[in-house]
């Protein structure tokens, strides 16, 4: 193969490799065993979130080696580096969850700083857990370099032992970590023995990879393909499959093509590609967290694409992919059925995809979909002409209780179950609510309110999976509703409203609620309201004593709380591309 010529005079790495003044810099590269040829090729950052915190990230280091091979095949020089992750499944249900959303910003910031500091010309980013996916994509768009994203892959489904000790409904289905959180609720309800719980925890998560349902990690992996930053079908293959390496290698080669063609992240991430991504979230019944992450990615490109915009797309997108937690199947099943390319092909049939959007291959979405031969299987992926429901699996809400909006996942909930009116039962934090659920000191028909858990007020906007899973485990998932200015896990089931804005710490109406206030959640009409007059709300606002003090007066979470903005804008911490005075690639 002929060596490919690259003009280094227009690439950032010229600042560290070219000319006599850079002899000291080159001496460092020689110290690492690099050849003269490698030093003068484009330098490609291969960023991973590898760590030993959780199965989501444990396979990323191996996959990065395949990416590096692909970069070398394309006559580039890969430079591997790692960043942090906080894994929600382990951070869930305690103070550690406050670190989760803040880690998204830390990932984007540290990838940006590494790329800038070493003048890398392009990036291939590998991520495996919930916040690491949007964090990595945010960094790509912020830097606006040639970029390819690759997901580390999902976990394989677990199987329960076929023994009488374990209830039949656990034995008859594929297991995910969601089932373990719900098993805790069953155990608290004396419906699951210590021995059964012990057996289930040993088999629920049998391999490397991120949580197996259409929870946040898999939702954002689907987004990476739909938005164009990842190669088609690269997100689907489970993490343990070593054949994933072929996608990793192809991603390395693809980024070299993007350098040659000068196709950058913001050529890919546009308003229309964000709309494509929101369509895919809706039709797969994806995580409500996409309503937070898509606006944050848009912010890095200087695009105003807020929660309202995401929810508008959800409202007129059919839900036709039957995935957990609202449906039956797991990520591996979606991959076996043809994956996101087949899903997007169905959306195209209804005219719901912008085909002209650029992708990481240098081809458009339409050109990519023309190459896909498979069709909907009617089992995991239903034809869009006969969807599971006619509107998306996630719905936006607004009203006098959420002037800046809120979000609820309705996938798997029949329309008659999408309206709920009940008296408020107010808790000042998640721990109070979880204790009440554990002790069953709540009543059927109530709307459980958890406040002071927003991005600033928490700080950190914790997810409430432990509480919602305990409710489901107690068989009360359909008999109560729950609202919060915090978040819900992508694994949450039941009628649970998150992202209520403004948050309590910013004086939103959720801060003014009292026990017994009558709350109505109407996911059919898209409203969230409390039966109080404007005058009564104003009187309560006058009497409000202000934001509740947190236990974080120093450190990273204090800093995050000072900087973080409104939830409906993505809970971002800097002005974004709209305030830029330069583009990194052009310095």
Protein backbone atom coordinates (compact mmCIF):
# COMPACT_ATOMS: atom_id res chain seq x y z
CA UNK A 1 0.00 0.00 0.00
CA UNK A 2 1.34 3.44 -0.90
CA UNK A 3 2.00 5.74 2.03
CA UNK A 4 -0.66 8.34 2.37
CA UNK A 5 0.49 11.98 2.29
CA UNK A 6 -0.81 14.26 5.03
CA UNK A 7 -0.09 17.99 5.13
CA UNK A 8 1.10 18.49 8.72
CA UNK A 9 1.30 22.26 8.19
CA UNK A 10 -2.46 22.42 8.72
CA UNK A 11 -2.74 19.98 11.63
CA UNK A 12 -2.44 20.79 15.36
CA UNK A 13 0.35 18.25 15.90
CA UNK A 14 2.74 20.44 13.88
CA UNK A 15 3.12 22.44 17.11
CA UNK A 16 4.85 19.48 18.81
CA UNK A 17 6.57 17.61 15.97
CA UNK A 18 7.74 20.00 13.24
CA UNK A 19 10.77 22.26 12.94
CA UNK A 20 14.06 22.73 14.84
CA UNK A 21 12.38 24.39 17.84
CA UNK A 22 10.49 21.16 18.53
CA UNK A 23 13.61 19.01 19.01
CA UNK A 24 12.96 18.77 22.79
CA UNK A 25 9.40 17.61 22.13
CA UNK A 26 10.55 15.01 19.61
CA UNK A 27 13.10 13.70 22.13
CA UNK A 28 10.16 12.70 24.36
CA UNK A 29 8.58 10.79 21.48
CA UNK A 30 11.83 8.98 20.75
CA UNK A 31 11.95 8.11 24.47
CA UNK A 32 8.69 6.22 24.01
CA UNK A 33 10.06 4.14 21.15
CA UNK A 34 8.46 6.09 18.32
CA UNK A 35 10.18 6.18 14.94
CA UNK A 36 10.89 9.31 12.93
CA UNK A 37 8.12 8.30 10.54
CA UNK A 38 5.59 7.90 13.36
CA UNK A 39 6.49 11.28 14.85
CA UNK A 40 5.78 13.07 11.58
CA UNK A 41 2.47 11.33 10.86
CA UNK A 42 -0.85 12.70 12.19
CA UNK A 43 -1.20 12.04 15.92
CA UNK A 44 -4.55 10.48 16.84
CA UNK A 45 -5.81 10.47 20.41
CA UNK A 46 -7.31 7.09 21.33
CA UNK A 47 -9.29 7.99 24.44
CA UNK A 48 -10.79 5.29 26.63
CA UNK A 49 -12.70 5.18 29.88
CA UNK A 50 -11.03 1.92 30.85
CA UNK A 51 -10.99 1.13 34.56
CA UNK A 52 -11.67 -1.68 37.01
CA UNK A 53 -14.73 0.00 38.50
CA UNK A 54 -17.34 -2.03 36.64
CA UNK A 55 -17.97 -4.47 33.78
CA UNK A 56 -18.97 -1.62 31.44
CA UNK A 57 -15.38 -0.43 31.14
CA UNK A 58 -13.31 -3.54 31.71
CA UNK A 59 -13.05 -4.51 28.01
CA UNK A 60 -12.17 -1.06 26.68
CA UNK A 61 -8.39 -1.39 26.98
CA UNK A 62 -8.37 -4.48 24.74
CA UNK A 63 -10.64 -2.80 22.20
CA UNK A 64 -8.38 0.28 22.15
CA UNK A 65 -5.52 -1.89 20.87
CA UNK A 66 -7.63 -2.80 17.84
CA UNK A 67 -8.42 0.89 17.24
CA UNK A 68 -4.69 1.64 17.30
CA UNK A 69 -4.09 -1.03 14.66
CA UNK A 70 -6.66 0.64 12.42
CA UNK A 71 -5.05 4.06 12.89
CA UNK A 72 -1.67 2.60 11.94
CA UNK A 73 -3.17 0.95 8.86
CA UNK A 74 -4.36 4.42 7.81
CA UNK A 75 -0.83 5.86 8.29
CA UNK A 76 -1.55 7.64 11.54
CA UNK A 77 0.18 7.43 14.92
CA UNK A 78 -2.20 6.50 17.76
CA UNK A 79 -1.63 7.89 21.26
CA UNK A 80 -3.73 6.12 23.85
CA UNK A 81 -4.93 7.86 27.01
CA UNK A 82 -7.59 7.21 29.62
CA UNK A 83 -10.08 9.29 31.53
CA UNK A 84 -12.38 8.67 34.47
CA UNK A 85 -15.80 7.08 34.71
CA UNK A 86 -18.33 6.79 37.48
CA UNK A 87 -20.49 3.72 37.02
CA UNK A 88 -24.10 4.30 37.96
CA UNK A 89 -24.93 0.72 38.91
CA UNK A 90 -22.33 0.86 41.69
CA UNK A 91 -22.88 4.55 42.54
CA UNK A 92 -26.66 3.99 42.78
CA UNK A 93 -28.64 4.46 45.97
CA UNK A 94 -26.05 6.29 48.08
CA UNK A 95 -23.91 9.45 48.18
CA UNK A 96 -21.71 8.16 45.36
CA UNK A 97 -24.47 8.87 42.83
CA UNK A 98 -23.81 12.60 43.28
CA UNK A 99 -20.58 12.07 41.33
CA UNK A 100 -22.30 10.54 38.30
CA UNK A 101 -23.59 13.48 36.25
CA UNK A 102 -20.64 15.64 37.29
CA UNK A 103 -18.38 12.94 35.82
CA UNK A 104 -19.84 13.64 32.36
CA UNK A 105 -18.37 17.15 32.52
CA UNK A 106 -15.09 15.86 33.98
CA UNK A 107 -14.75 13.37 31.11
CA UNK A 108 -15.39 16.04 28.47
CA UNK A 109 -13.01 18.44 30.22
CA UNK A 110 -10.16 15.95 30.70
CA UNK A 111 -10.37 14.67 27.12
CA UNK A 112 -10.34 18.28 25.89
CA UNK A 113 -7.34 19.15 28.07
CA UNK A 114 -5.39 16.07 26.99
CA UNK A 115 -6.06 16.71 23.31
CA UNK A 116 -5.17 20.40 23.59
CA UNK A 117 -2.08 19.82 25.70
CA UNK A 118 -0.57 17.33 23.27
CA UNK A 119 -1.94 18.83 20.04
CA UNK A 120 -3.57 15.65 18.76
CA UNK A 121 -5.12 15.90 15.31
CA UNK A 122 -8.14 13.64 15.72
CA UNK A 123 -9.82 11.37 18.23
CA UNK A 124 -11.28 7.90 18.46
CA UNK A 125 -13.19 7.71 21.75
CA UNK A 126 -14.22 4.47 23.47
CA UNK A 127 -16.77 4.54 26.29
CA UNK A 128 -18.87 2.00 28.11
CA UNK A 129 -20.96 3.49 30.91
CA UNK A 130 -23.85 5.95 31.07
CA UNK A 131 -22.13 9.34 31.43
CA UNK A 132 -18.95 8.39 29.62
CA UNK A 133 -20.74 8.12 26.28
CA UNK A 134 -22.16 11.66 26.18
CA UNK A 135 -19.02 12.99 27.91
CA UNK A 136 -16.81 11.57 25.15
CA UNK A 137 -19.11 12.84 22.39
CA UNK A 138 -19.25 16.29 24.03
CA UNK A 139 -15.44 16.46 23.93
CA UNK A 140 -15.39 15.54 20.24
CA UNK A 141 -17.88 18.27 19.34
CA UNK A 142 -16.23 20.82 21.64
CA UNK A 143 -12.83 20.27 20.01
CA UNK A 144 -14.36 19.96 16.53
CA UNK A 145 -11.70 17.52 15.34
CA UNK A 146 -12.16 14.51 13.04
CA UNK A 147 -13.85 12.11 15.44
CA UNK A 148 -15.10 8.53 15.62
CA UNK A 149 -16.93 7.16 18.64
CA UNK A 150 -17.12 3.49 19.54
CA UNK A 151 -19.15 1.89 22.32
CA UNK A 152 -17.56 -0.84 24.41
CA UNK A 153 -20.65 -3.06 24.00
CA UNK A 154 -23.40 -4.41 26.19
CA UNK A 155 -23.27 -7.16 28.77
CA UNK A 156 -24.67 -10.60 27.97
CA UNK A 157 -28.04 -11.39 29.57
CA UNK A 158 -28.06 -13.35 32.81
CA UNK A 159 -29.97 -16.60 33.43
CA UNK A 160 -31.37 -17.65 36.78
CA UNK A 161 -30.83 -21.21 38.08
CA UNK A 162 -33.89 -23.36 37.45
CA UNK A 163 -34.56 -24.07 41.13
CA UNK A 164 -37.75 -23.73 43.14
CA UNK A 165 -36.10 -21.26 45.52
CA UNK A 166 -36.20 -18.60 42.77
CA UNK A 167 -39.62 -17.29 41.66
CA UNK A 168 -40.72 -18.47 38.22
CA UNK A 169 -40.85 -14.96 36.70
CA UNK A 170 -37.11 -14.55 37.39
CA UNK A 171 -36.37 -18.01 35.97
CA UNK A 172 -38.27 -17.39 32.75
CA UNK A 173 -36.62 -14.18 31.59
CA UNK A 174 -33.25 -12.75 30.66
CA UNK A 175 -31.78 -10.99 33.68
CA UNK A 176 -30.21 -7.53 33.88
CA UNK A 177 -29.05 -5.44 36.81
CA UNK A 178 -32.55 -3.91 36.84
CA UNK A 179 -33.83 -7.28 38.05
CA UNK A 180 -31.37 -7.18 40.94
CA UNK A 181 -32.62 -3.80 42.12
CA UNK A 182 -36.17 -5.13 41.91
CA UNK A 183 -35.12 -8.33 43.70
CA UNK A 184 -34.08 -6.15 46.65
CA UNK A 185 -37.66 -4.84 46.81
CA UNK A 186 -39.01 -8.42 46.72
CA UNK A 187 -36.58 -9.39 49.47
CA UNK A 188 -37.70 -6.46 51.63
CA UNK A 189 -41.26 -7.59 51.04
CA UNK A 190 -40.43 -11.12 52.24
CA UNK A 191 -41.17 -12.51 48.78
CA UNK A 192 -37.58 -13.55 48.08
CA UNK A 193 -35.32 -15.49 50.42
CA UNK A 194 -31.73 -14.63 51.36
CA UNK A 195 -30.59 -17.70 49.44
CA UNK A 196 -32.52 -16.74 46.28
CA UNK A 197 -31.14 -13.20 46.38
CA UNK A 198 -27.63 -14.62 46.74
CA UNK A 199 -28.11 -16.94 43.76
CA UNK A 200 -29.51 -14.17 41.56
CA UNK A 201 -26.72 -11.69 42.28
CA UNK A 202 -24.16 -14.25 41.12
CA UNK A 203 -25.73 -14.76 37.68
CA UNK A 204 -27.50 -11.50 36.73
CA UNK A 205 -24.41 -9.90 35.15
CA UNK A 206 -22.39 -12.71 33.54
CA UNK A 207 -19.83 -10.83 31.41
CA UNK A 208 -18.07 -7.60 30.55
CA UNK A 209 -20.23 -4.88 29.10
CA UNK A 210 -22.75 -2.19 30.00
CA UNK A 211 -26.24 -2.90 31.37
CA UNK A 212 -28.18 -4.98 28.86
CA UNK A 213 -31.54 -3.23 28.52
CA UNK A 214 -32.34 0.02 26.75
CA UNK A 215 -31.00 1.87 29.74
CA UNK A 216 -28.81 4.97 29.46
CA UNK A 217 -25.62 3.34 28.14
CA UNK A 218 -27.34 1.46 25.32
CA UNK A 219 -29.58 4.46 24.61
CA UNK A 220 -26.56 6.71 24.14
CA UNK A 221 -24.80 3.99 22.13
CA UNK A 222 -27.77 4.04 19.75
CA UNK A 223 -27.47 7.85 19.70
CA UNK A 224 -23.82 7.58 18.65
CA UNK A 225 -24.84 5.72 15.49
CA UNK A 226 -27.92 7.80 14.76
CA UNK A 227 -26.07 11.09 15.23
CA UNK A 228 -23.32 9.89 12.87
CA UNK A 229 -20.28 9.83 15.17
CA UNK A 230 -20.08 6.01 15.24
CA UNK A 231 -19.87 3.51 12.40
CA UNK A 232 -23.19 1.88 11.56
CA UNK A 233 -23.96 -1.19 13.72
CA UNK A 234 -20.80 -0.67 15.79
CA UNK A 235 -22.77 -0.28 19.02
CA UNK A 236 -24.72 -3.51 18.86
CA UNK A 237 -22.29 -6.36 19.36
CA UNK A 238 -21.96 -7.47 23.02
CA UNK A 239 -18.71 -6.56 24.77
CA UNK A 240 -17.35 -10.13 25.14
CA UNK A 241 -17.47 -10.81 21.40
CA UNK A 242 -13.90 -10.50 20.19
CA UNK A 243 -15.32 -9.86 16.74
CA UNK A 244 -15.99 -6.33 18.10
CA UNK A 245 -12.33 -5.76 17.26
CA UNK A 246 -13.22 -5.51 13.57
CA UNK A 247 -15.40 -2.46 14.34
CA UNK A 248 -12.67 -0.98 16.51
CA UNK A 249 -10.10 -1.45 13.76
CA UNK A 250 -12.46 0.02 11.17
CA UNK A 251 -13.02 3.03 13.45
CA UNK A 252 -9.27 3.64 13.54
CA UNK A 253 -9.07 3.54 9.74
CA UNK A 254 -12.17 5.74 9.44
CA UNK A 255 -10.70 8.56 11.51
CA UNK A 256 -7.72 8.72 9.14
CA UNK A 257 -10.12 9.13 6.21
CA UNK A 258 -11.83 11.96 8.09
CA UNK A 259 -8.49 13.72 8.61
CA UNK A 260 -7.76 13.44 4.89
CA UNK A 261 -11.19 14.83 3.96
CA UNK A 262 -11.17 17.39 6.81
CA UNK A 263 -14.56 16.18 8.05
CA UNK A 264 -14.91 17.34 11.63
CA UNK A 265 -17.29 16.55 14.48
CA UNK A 266 -19.51 19.58 13.85
CA UNK A 267 -19.85 18.59 10.20
CA UNK A 268 -21.51 15.46 11.60
CA UNK A 269 -23.37 16.79 14.65
CA UNK A 270 -25.95 19.23 13.32
CA UNK A 271 -29.49 20.17 14.26
CA UNK A 272 -30.79 17.53 11.86
CA UNK A 273 -28.51 14.77 13.16
CA UNK A 274 -29.62 15.60 16.73
CA UNK A 275 -33.21 15.16 15.55
CA UNK A 276 -32.27 11.77 14.05
CA UNK A 277 -30.79 10.76 17.39
CA UNK A 278 -33.90 11.82 19.31
CA UNK A 279 -36.04 9.76 16.90
CA UNK A 280 -34.01 6.65 17.67
CA UNK A 281 -34.31 7.23 21.43
CA UNK A 282 -38.07 7.59 21.09
CA UNK A 283 -38.73 4.56 18.91
CA UNK A 284 -36.60 2.29 21.13
CA UNK A 285 -38.17 3.44 24.40
CA UNK A 286 -34.78 4.79 25.45
CA UNK A 287 -33.64 6.42 28.67
CA UNK A 288 -35.06 9.74 29.85
CA UNK A 289 -31.42 10.75 30.36
CA UNK A 290 -31.23 11.36 26.61
CA UNK A 291 -33.30 14.47 27.34
CA UNK A 292 -30.32 15.71 29.34
CA UNK A 293 -27.47 14.49 27.15
CA UNK A 294 -28.69 15.51 23.68
CA UNK A 295 -29.03 19.20 24.70
CA UNK A 296 -25.54 19.00 26.26
CA UNK A 297 -24.01 17.62 23.04
CA UNK A 298 -25.86 20.29 21.05
CA UNK A 299 -24.49 22.98 23.38
CA UNK A 300 -20.94 22.00 22.42
CA UNK A 301 -21.80 22.77 18.78
CA UNK A 302 -23.54 26.05 19.60
CA UNK A 303 -26.95 24.58 18.72
CA UNK A 304 -29.99 25.42 20.85
CA UNK A 305 -31.61 22.01 21.14
CA UNK A 306 -33.35 21.85 24.49
CA UNK A 307 -35.59 19.42 26.38
CA UNK A 308 -38.68 20.87 24.63
CA UNK A 309 -37.14 20.14 21.24
CA UNK A 310 -36.28 16.58 22.22
CA UNK A 311 -39.78 15.98 23.58
CA UNK A 312 -41.42 17.44 20.48
CA UNK A 313 -39.71 14.71 18.45
CA UNK A 314 -40.68 12.07 21.02
CA UNK A 315 -44.30 13.15 20.69
CA UNK A 316 -44.65 12.24 17.01
CA UNK A 317 -42.32 9.24 16.78
CA UNK A 318 -43.84 5.74 16.96
CA UNK A 319 -42.45 3.34 19.57
CA UNK A 320 -41.71 0.08 17.76
CA UNK A 321 -38.59 -1.56 19.28
CA UNK A 322 -39.48 -3.88 22.17
CA UNK A 323 -36.65 -3.48 24.68
CA UNK A 324 -36.36 -3.62 28.45
CA UNK A 325 -37.20 -1.99 30.83
CA UNK A 326 -40.61 -1.28 29.27
CA UNK A 327 -40.50 -4.26 26.91
CA UNK A 328 -39.14 -7.80 26.69
CA UNK A 329 -35.76 -7.87 24.99
CA UNK A 330 -32.14 -6.90 25.71
CA UNK A 331 -29.39 -5.26 23.65
CA UNK A 332 -28.05 -8.56 22.34
CA UNK A 333 -31.51 -9.33 20.90
CA UNK A 334 -31.54 -5.98 19.10
CA UNK A 335 -28.09 -6.72 17.65
CA UNK A 336 -29.26 -10.17 16.49
CA UNK A 337 -32.26 -8.53 14.81
CA UNK A 338 -30.04 -6.19 12.78
CA UNK A 339 -29.46 -3.36 15.20
CA UNK A 340 -29.86 0.39 14.79
CA UNK A 341 -29.40 0.34 10.97
CA UNK A 342 -32.63 -1.69 10.64
CA UNK A 343 -34.37 0.61 13.15
CA UNK A 344 -33.33 3.68 11.16
CA UNK A 345 -34.44 2.00 7.95
CA UNK A 346 -37.93 1.71 9.45
CA UNK A 347 -37.87 5.38 10.48
CA UNK A 348 -36.86 6.27 6.91
CA UNK A 349 -39.94 4.46 5.55
CA UNK A 350 -42.08 6.95 7.49
CA UNK A 351 -40.00 9.94 6.39
CA UNK A 352 -38.68 10.44 9.93
CA UNK A 353 -34.93 10.49 9.18
CA UNK A 354 -32.82 13.30 7.70
CA UNK A 355 -30.89 11.26 5.15
CA UNK A 356 -28.46 14.00 4.12
CA UNK A 357 -26.62 14.03 7.48
CA UNK A 358 -22.90 13.21 7.31
CA UNK A 359 -21.47 10.22 9.22
CA UNK A 360 -18.07 9.08 10.46
CA UNK A 361 -17.61 7.04 7.28
CA UNK A 362 -17.68 10.14 5.09
CA UNK A 363 -20.96 8.91 3.64
CA UNK A 364 -24.44 10.25 4.48
CA UNK A 365 -27.00 8.46 6.62
CA UNK A 366 -29.06 7.81 3.48
CA UNK A 367 -26.08 6.24 1.69
CA UNK A 368 -25.36 4.09 4.74
CA UNK A 369 -28.98 2.90 4.97
CA UNK A 370 -28.97 2.03 1.27
CA UNK A 371 -26.37 -0.61 2.12
CA UNK A 372 -28.60 -2.32 4.74
CA UNK A 373 -30.42 -5.38 3.41
CA UNK A 374 -32.13 -6.69 6.55
CA UNK A 375 -35.72 -5.82 7.48
CA UNK A 376 -37.64 -5.59 10.76
CA UNK A 377 -38.10 -9.03 12.30
CA UNK A 378 -41.55 -8.23 13.79
CA UNK A 379 -40.44 -9.53 17.17
CA UNK A 380 -37.76 -7.19 18.55
CA UNK A 381 -38.06 -4.55 15.81
CA UNK A 382 -41.68 -4.15 14.76
CA UNK A 383 -42.49 -2.60 11.38
CA UNK A 384 -43.11 1.12 11.80
CA UNK A 385 -46.45 0.63 10.07
CA UNK A 386 -47.59 -1.54 13.01
CA UNK A 387 -45.81 0.00 16.03
CA UNK A 388 -46.18 -1.02 19.67
CA UNK A 389 -47.63 2.46 20.33
CA UNK A 390 -48.14 5.41 18.01
CA UNK A 391 -46.07 7.87 20.07
CA UNK A 392 -42.59 7.70 21.49
CA UNK A 393 -41.61 5.83 24.62
CA UNK A 394 -40.59 9.08 26.36
CA UNK A 395 -42.86 12.10 26.88
CA UNK A 396 -42.17 15.70 27.85
CA UNK A 397 -44.39 17.41 30.43
CA UNK A 398 -45.01 21.07 31.29
CA UNK A 399 -47.31 22.90 33.65
CA UNK A 400 -47.45 25.00 36.79
CA UNK A 401 -45.36 22.39 38.61
CA UNK A 402 -42.71 22.28 35.86
CA UNK A 403 -42.56 25.58 33.94
CA UNK A 404 -39.20 24.56 32.41
CA UNK A 405 -40.41 21.05 31.70
CA UNK A 406 -40.04 17.50 32.94
CA UNK A 407 -39.76 14.07 31.33
CA UNK A 408 -41.35 10.65 31.81
CA UNK A 409 -40.80 7.27 30.15
CA UNK A 410 -44.12 5.68 29.17
CA UNK A 411 -42.78 2.73 27.13
CA UNK A 412 -44.68 -0.32 28.30
CA UNK A 413 -47.38 1.72 30.11
CA UNK A 414 -50.86 1.50 28.48
CA UNK A 415 -52.48 4.85 27.65
CA UNK A 416 -55.03 4.49 30.43
CA UNK A 417 -52.15 4.26 32.89
CA UNK A 418 -50.54 7.45 31.64
CA UNK A 419 -52.72 9.78 33.70
CA UNK A 420 -52.33 9.86 37.47
CA UNK A 421 -53.83 12.17 40.10
CA UNK A 422 -53.01 11.87 43.76
CA UNK A 423 -51.97 13.69 46.93
CA UNK A 424 -48.33 14.66 47.29
CA UNK A 425 -46.11 12.84 49.76
CA UNK A 426 -43.07 15.11 50.01
CA UNK A 427 -39.53 13.98 50.83
CA UNK A 428 -36.52 16.28 51.09
CA UNK A 429 -34.07 13.78 49.58
CA UNK A 430 -33.81 10.28 48.17
CA UNK A 431 -32.78 8.65 51.46
CA UNK A 432 -35.98 9.82 53.16
CA UNK A 433 -38.06 8.45 50.30
CA UNK A 434 -36.22 5.12 50.16
CA UNK A 435 -36.63 4.62 53.90
CA UNK A 436 -40.38 5.28 53.62
CA UNK A 437 -40.63 2.80 50.74
CA UNK A 438 -38.58 0.22 52.64
CA UNK A 439 -40.84 0.64 55.70
CA UNK A 440 -43.96 0.78 53.46
CA UNK A 441 -45.02 3.96 55.21
CA UNK A 442 -46.58 5.37 52.05
CA UNK A 443 -50.06 4.84 50.63
CA UNK A 444 -51.41 3.56 47.36
CA UNK A 445 -52.53 6.45 45.15
CA UNK A 446 -49.94 8.93 46.43
CA UNK A 447 -47.54 10.94 44.30
CA UNK A 448 -44.15 10.57 45.93
CA UNK A 449 -42.18 13.82 45.59
CA UNK A 450 -38.39 13.76 45.97
CA UNK A 451 -36.87 17.24 45.85
CA UNK A 452 -33.48 18.88 46.43
CA UNK A 453 -31.90 16.32 44.07
CA UNK A 454 -31.34 18.60 41.06
CA UNK A 455 -27.95 19.33 39.48
CA UNK A 456 -27.19 22.24 41.85
CA UNK A 457 -29.34 21.30 44.82
CA UNK A 458 -28.17 17.70 45.21
CA UNK A 459 -25.59 18.47 44.09
CA UNK A 460 -25.26 16.08 41.19
CA UNK A 461 -28.82 15.18 40.13
CA UNK A 462 -28.88 11.64 41.44
CA UNK A 463 -30.83 8.80 39.84
CA UNK A 464 -33.59 7.15 41.86
CA UNK A 465 -33.36 3.54 40.72
CA UNK A 466 -33.07 2.08 44.23
CA UNK A 467 -36.36 3.72 45.23
CA UNK A 468 -38.28 2.99 42.03
CA UNK A 469 -37.00 -0.59 41.86
CA UNK A 470 -38.05 -1.16 45.48
CA UNK A 471 -41.54 0.10 44.61
CA UNK A 472 -41.69 -2.29 41.65
CA UNK A 473 -40.39 -5.12 43.82
CA UNK A 474 -43.21 -4.44 46.28
CA UNK A 475 -45.76 -4.63 43.45
CA UNK A 476 -46.57 -0.91 43.81
CA UNK A 477 -45.01 0.38 40.58
CA UNK A 478 -48.42 1.06 39.04
CA UNK A 479 -50.17 2.12 42.24
CA UNK A 480 -48.10 5.21 43.03
CA UNK A 481 -46.38 7.84 40.92
CA UNK A 482 -43.11 9.61 41.62
CA UNK A 483 -41.76 13.03 40.64
CA UNK A 484 -38.33 14.53 41.26
CA UNK A 485 -35.99 17.32 40.23
CA UNK A 486 -33.37 14.57 40.10
CA UNK A 487 -33.10 11.86 37.44
CA UNK A 488 -34.21 8.32 36.88
CA UNK A 489 -32.07 5.49 35.70
CA UNK A 490 -32.64 4.22 32.21
CA UNK A 491 -33.63 1.01 34.02
CA UNK A 492 -36.51 2.66 35.89
CA UNK A 493 -39.99 1.25 35.40
CA UNK A 494 -43.31 2.72 36.53
CA UNK A 495 -44.85 6.18 36.26
CA UNK A 496 -41.83 8.24 37.25
CA UNK A 497 -41.30 11.89 36.28
CA UNK A 498 -37.79 13.34 36.37
CA UNK A 499 -35.92 16.54 35.44
CA UNK A 500 -38.65 18.73 37.00
CA UNK A 501 -37.50 22.29 36.37
CA UNK A 502 -36.71 24.74 37.77
CA UNK A 503 -35.22 22.54 40.47
CA UNK A 504 -36.00 23.10 44.15
CA UNK A 505 -32.63 24.78 44.82
CA UNK A 506 -33.51 27.42 42.20
CA UNK A 507 -36.93 28.07 43.75
CA UNK A 508 -38.98 25.99 41.33
CA UNK A 509 -42.57 25.12 42.27
CA UNK A 510 -41.43 21.66 43.42
CA UNK A 511 -39.77 23.47 46.37
CA UNK A 512 -43.15 24.85 47.43
CA UNK A 513 -45.15 21.60 47.60
CA UNK A 514 -46.68 20.33 50.83
CA UNK A 515 -48.05 16.91 51.80
CA UNK A 516 -51.57 16.50 50.46
CA UNK A 517 -51.31 18.92 47.52
CA UNK A 518 -53.18 17.34 44.62
CA UNK A 519 -50.84 16.59 41.72
CA UNK A 520 -51.88 15.50 38.23
CA UNK A 521 -49.48 13.87 35.79
CA UNK A 522 -50.96 13.58 32.30
CA UNK A 523 -48.55 11.99 29.83
CA UNK A 524 -51.28 11.92 27.15
CA UNK A 525 -51.68 15.71 27.17
CA UNK A 526 -48.09 16.35 28.30
CA UNK A 527 -48.88 18.22 31.52
CA UNK A 528 -47.61 18.22 35.11
CA UNK A 529 -49.67 20.36 37.44
CA UNK A 530 -50.57 20.93 41.07
CA UNK A 531 -54.06 22.03 42.12
CA UNK A 532 -52.94 25.37 43.55
CA UNK A 533 -53.76 28.87 42.34
CA UNK A 534 -51.07 31.25 41.16
CA UNK A 535 -51.85 33.34 44.25
CA UNK A 536 -51.23 30.40 46.60
CA UNK A 537 -47.97 29.53 44.84
CA UNK A 538 -46.86 33.18 45.10
CA UNK A 539 -47.63 33.24 48.83
CA UNK A 540 -45.63 30.07 49.37
CA UNK A 541 -42.76 31.49 47.32
CA UNK A 542 -42.69 34.58 49.58
CA UNK A 543 -42.51 32.30 52.63
CA UNK A 544 -39.87 29.96 51.12
CA UNK A 545 -36.69 29.94 53.18
CA UNK A 546 -34.36 29.39 50.21
CA UNK A 547 -32.20 26.58 48.94
CA UNK A 548 -31.52 23.78 51.37
CA UNK A 549 -27.84 23.68 52.40
CA UNK A 550 -25.91 20.70 51.04
CA UNK A 551 -23.12 18.73 52.64
CA UNK A 552 -20.71 19.78 49.87
CA UNK A 553 -19.01 23.08 50.73
CA UNK A 554 -15.71 22.24 49.02
CA UNK A 555 -14.27 20.02 46.32
CA UNK A 556 -15.43 18.96 42.89
CA UNK A 557 -19.14 18.76 43.70
CA UNK A 558 -19.12 22.26 45.23
CA UNK A 559 -17.48 23.55 42.07
CA UNK A 560 -20.01 21.70 39.91
CA UNK A 561 -22.95 23.14 41.88
CA UNK A 562 -21.64 26.70 41.33
CA UNK A 563 -21.33 26.25 37.57
CA UNK A 564 -24.17 23.97 36.52
CA UNK A 565 -27.06 25.42 34.55
CA UNK A 566 -30.69 24.53 34.00
CA UNK A 567 -31.71 20.93 33.46
CA UNK A 568 -33.73 21.68 30.32
CA UNK A 569 -30.58 23.04 28.67
CA UNK A 570 -28.62 19.88 29.49
CA UNK A 571 -27.17 20.81 32.92
CA UNK A 572 -24.01 22.17 31.31
CA UNK A 573 -21.19 24.02 33.06
CA UNK A 574 -19.71 26.39 30.47
CA UNK A 575 -20.98 28.82 27.79
CA UNK A 576 -20.48 26.40 24.90
CA UNK A 577 -19.64 26.98 21.27
CA UNK A 578 -21.79 30.10 21.04
CA UNK A 579 -19.18 31.94 23.13
CA UNK A 580 -16.08 30.52 21.36
CA UNK A 581 -13.35 32.83 20.12
CA UNK A 582 -11.41 30.10 18.31
CA UNK A 583 -11.63 26.54 17.03
CA UNK A 584 -8.97 24.20 18.41
CA UNK A 585 -8.17 22.63 15.02
CA UNK A 586 -7.38 26.03 13.51
CA UNK A 587 -5.01 27.39 16.16
